[in-house]
């Protein structure tokens, strides 16, 4: 009788864990708050290389701001995320379809980016394709 109770308890725990994992996966993969919107126009095609890119890191007073100028990216690694990796130490959260930048140069959570001072793009940094002469600003909020 004691052995049967243990097996039933293990079965209930196993089913609960599987159900929880399934719920978390379905919530993250179908999150209506974070759709991946494809770039339009020129930005819809990833470039082999881009030149004269400027990266500004605004730490919002946590540490001294940084600027990286005249950066070139090659080998189709030409997204906002690729630029950041090229210049900084980056920590991320990987959500499968896209990434979330969790830290830049040891300054943690709360980063947003803009390109050419335009309104915030609704595109994850690893999907936003850069063009020549773009200016990217990452801001700690």
Protein backbone atom coordinates (compact mmCIF):
# COMPACT_ATOMS: atom_id res chain seq x y z
CA UNK A 1 0.00 0.00 0.00
CA UNK A 2 2.83 2.40 0.92
CA UNK A 3 4.56 1.73 -2.43
CA UNK A 4 1.36 2.44 -4.37
CA UNK A 5 0.96 5.83 -2.67
CA UNK A 6 4.53 6.77 -3.66
CA UNK A 7 3.91 5.86 -7.31
CA UNK A 8 0.65 7.81 -7.38
CA UNK A 9 2.36 10.83 -5.79
CA UNK A 10 5.21 10.65 -8.34
CA UNK A 11 2.69 10.39 -11.17
CA UNK A 12 0.76 13.44 -9.92
CA UNK A 13 3.98 15.45 -9.54
CA UNK A 14 5.15 14.41 -13.03
CA UNK A 15 1.86 15.39 -14.67
CA UNK A 16 1.86 18.70 -12.80
CA UNK A 17 5.40 19.53 -13.93
CA UNK A 18 4.64 18.61 -17.54
CA UNK A 19 1.46 20.73 -17.48
CA UNK A 20 3.34 23.69 -16.02
CA UNK A 21 6.10 23.46 -18.64
CA UNK A 22 3.52 23.20 -21.43
CA UNK A 23 1.67 26.27 -20.08
CA UNK A 24 4.89 28.34 -19.83
CA UNK A 25 6.01 27.34 -23.33
CA UNK A 26 2.64 28.14 -24.89
CA UNK A 27 2.46 31.47 -23.08
CA UNK A 28 5.93 32.56 -24.23
CA UNK A 29 5.55 31.33 -27.81
CA UNK A 30 2.12 32.93 -28.29
CA UNK A 31 2.65 36.16 -26.36
CA UNK A 32 0.49 38.82 -28.06
CA UNK A 33 2.47 41.54 -26.27
CA UNK A 34 5.68 40.75 -28.17
CA UNK A 35 4.94 39.95 -31.80
CA UNK A 36 7.79 39.77 -34.25
CA UNK A 37 7.02 42.30 -36.94
CA UNK A 38 9.13 41.96 -40.03
CA UNK A 39 11.11 44.95 -41.26
CA UNK A 40 9.68 46.77 -44.24
CA UNK A 41 11.34 48.36 -47.25
CA UNK A 42 15.13 48.44 -47.37
CA UNK A 43 15.41 46.91 -43.92
CA UNK A 44 13.55 43.76 -44.94
CA UNK A 45 16.73 42.36 -46.51
CA UNK A 46 19.74 41.63 -44.33
CA UNK A 47 22.81 43.33 -45.81
CA UNK A 48 26.09 41.47 -46.38
CA UNK A 49 27.88 44.45 -44.83
CA UNK A 50 27.12 47.90 -43.45
CA UNK A 51 29.51 50.78 -42.83
CA UNK A 52 29.80 53.96 -40.80
CA UNK A 53 27.52 52.81 -37.99
CA UNK A 54 27.46 54.71 -34.70
CA UNK A 55 26.53 53.09 -31.38
CA UNK A 56 25.68 55.19 -28.34
CA UNK A 57 25.21 53.52 -24.94
CA UNK A 58 23.28 55.71 -22.48
CA UNK A 59 23.69 54.28 -18.97
CA UNK A 60 21.32 56.90 -17.51
CA UNK A 61 23.80 57.88 -14.79
CA UNK A 62 24.70 54.34 -13.68
CA UNK A 63 28.11 54.78 -15.31
CA UNK A 64 29.75 56.98 -17.96
CA UNK A 65 28.05 56.85 -21.36
CA UNK A 66 29.96 55.35 -24.29
CA UNK A 67 30.03 56.06 -28.01
CA UNK A 68 31.46 53.84 -30.74
CA UNK A 69 31.84 55.42 -34.18
CA UNK A 70 32.59 54.38 -37.74
CA UNK A 71 31.80 50.69 -37.12
CA UNK A 72 31.60 48.22 -39.99
CA UNK A 73 29.69 44.94 -39.80
CA UNK A 74 30.11 42.07 -42.28
CA UNK A 75 29.09 38.49 -43.11
CA UNK A 76 25.35 39.22 -42.83
CA UNK A 77 25.81 39.95 -39.11
CA UNK A 78 24.24 43.38 -39.53
CA UNK A 79 21.41 43.64 -37.00
CA UNK A 80 21.14 45.97 -34.00
CA UNK A 81 22.01 42.99 -31.81
CA UNK A 82 25.08 42.10 -33.91
CA UNK A 83 26.29 45.70 -33.54
CA UNK A 84 25.91 45.52 -29.77
CA UNK A 85 27.79 42.20 -29.61
CA UNK A 86 30.57 43.73 -31.70
CA UNK A 87 31.17 46.54 -29.17
CA UNK A 88 29.97 45.44 -25.74
CA UNK A 89 29.65 42.61 -23.25
CA UNK A 90 26.02 41.55 -23.50
CA UNK A 91 23.79 39.26 -21.45
CA UNK A 92 20.50 38.07 -22.93
CA UNK A 93 17.38 36.06 -22.26
CA UNK A 94 16.66 33.75 -25.18
CA UNK A 95 12.98 33.30 -25.99
CA UNK A 96 13.55 30.99 -28.96
CA UNK A 97 12.20 33.19 -31.74
CA UNK A 98 13.90 36.30 -30.41
CA UNK A 99 16.25 37.55 -27.72
CA UNK A 100 15.86 40.11 -24.94
CA UNK A 101 18.93 42.16 -24.01
CA UNK A 102 19.17 41.72 -20.26
CA UNK A 103 22.43 43.60 -19.64
CA UNK A 104 25.08 45.69 -21.36
CA UNK A 105 28.61 45.97 -19.93
CA UNK A 106 27.49 44.67 -16.52
CA UNK A 107 24.55 47.10 -16.25
CA UNK A 108 21.44 44.98 -15.84
CA UNK A 109 17.83 44.85 -16.90
CA UNK A 110 15.92 47.69 -18.52
CA UNK A 111 17.36 48.38 -21.99
CA UNK A 112 15.59 49.84 -25.02
CA UNK A 113 17.00 50.86 -28.37
CA UNK A 114 16.26 53.38 -31.12
CA UNK A 115 17.70 53.75 -34.60
CA UNK A 116 18.28 57.22 -36.05
CA UNK A 117 16.21 58.78 -33.23
CA UNK A 118 13.02 57.28 -34.68
CA UNK A 119 10.22 56.07 -32.40
CA UNK A 120 10.90 52.72 -30.74
CA UNK A 121 10.74 49.93 -33.28
CA UNK A 122 8.42 47.03 -32.51
CA UNK A 123 11.12 44.62 -33.69
CA UNK A 124 13.51 42.61 -31.50
CA UNK A 125 17.12 43.76 -31.80
CA UNK A 126 18.18 40.52 -33.47
CA UNK A 127 15.64 41.12 -36.29
CA UNK A 128 16.23 44.84 -36.94
CA UNK A 129 18.51 45.12 -39.99
CA UNK A 130 20.90 48.05 -40.13
CA UNK A 131 21.81 50.15 -43.16
CA UNK A 132 24.89 52.26 -43.88
CA UNK A 133 25.22 55.41 -41.72
CA UNK A 134 22.67 54.32 -39.09
CA UNK A 135 22.97 55.55 -35.49
CA UNK A 136 21.83 53.16 -32.78
CA UNK A 137 21.17 54.28 -29.23
CA UNK A 138 20.69 51.84 -26.35
CA UNK A 139 19.22 53.48 -23.23
CA UNK A 140 19.05 52.04 -19.73
CA UNK A 141 15.61 52.85 -18.31
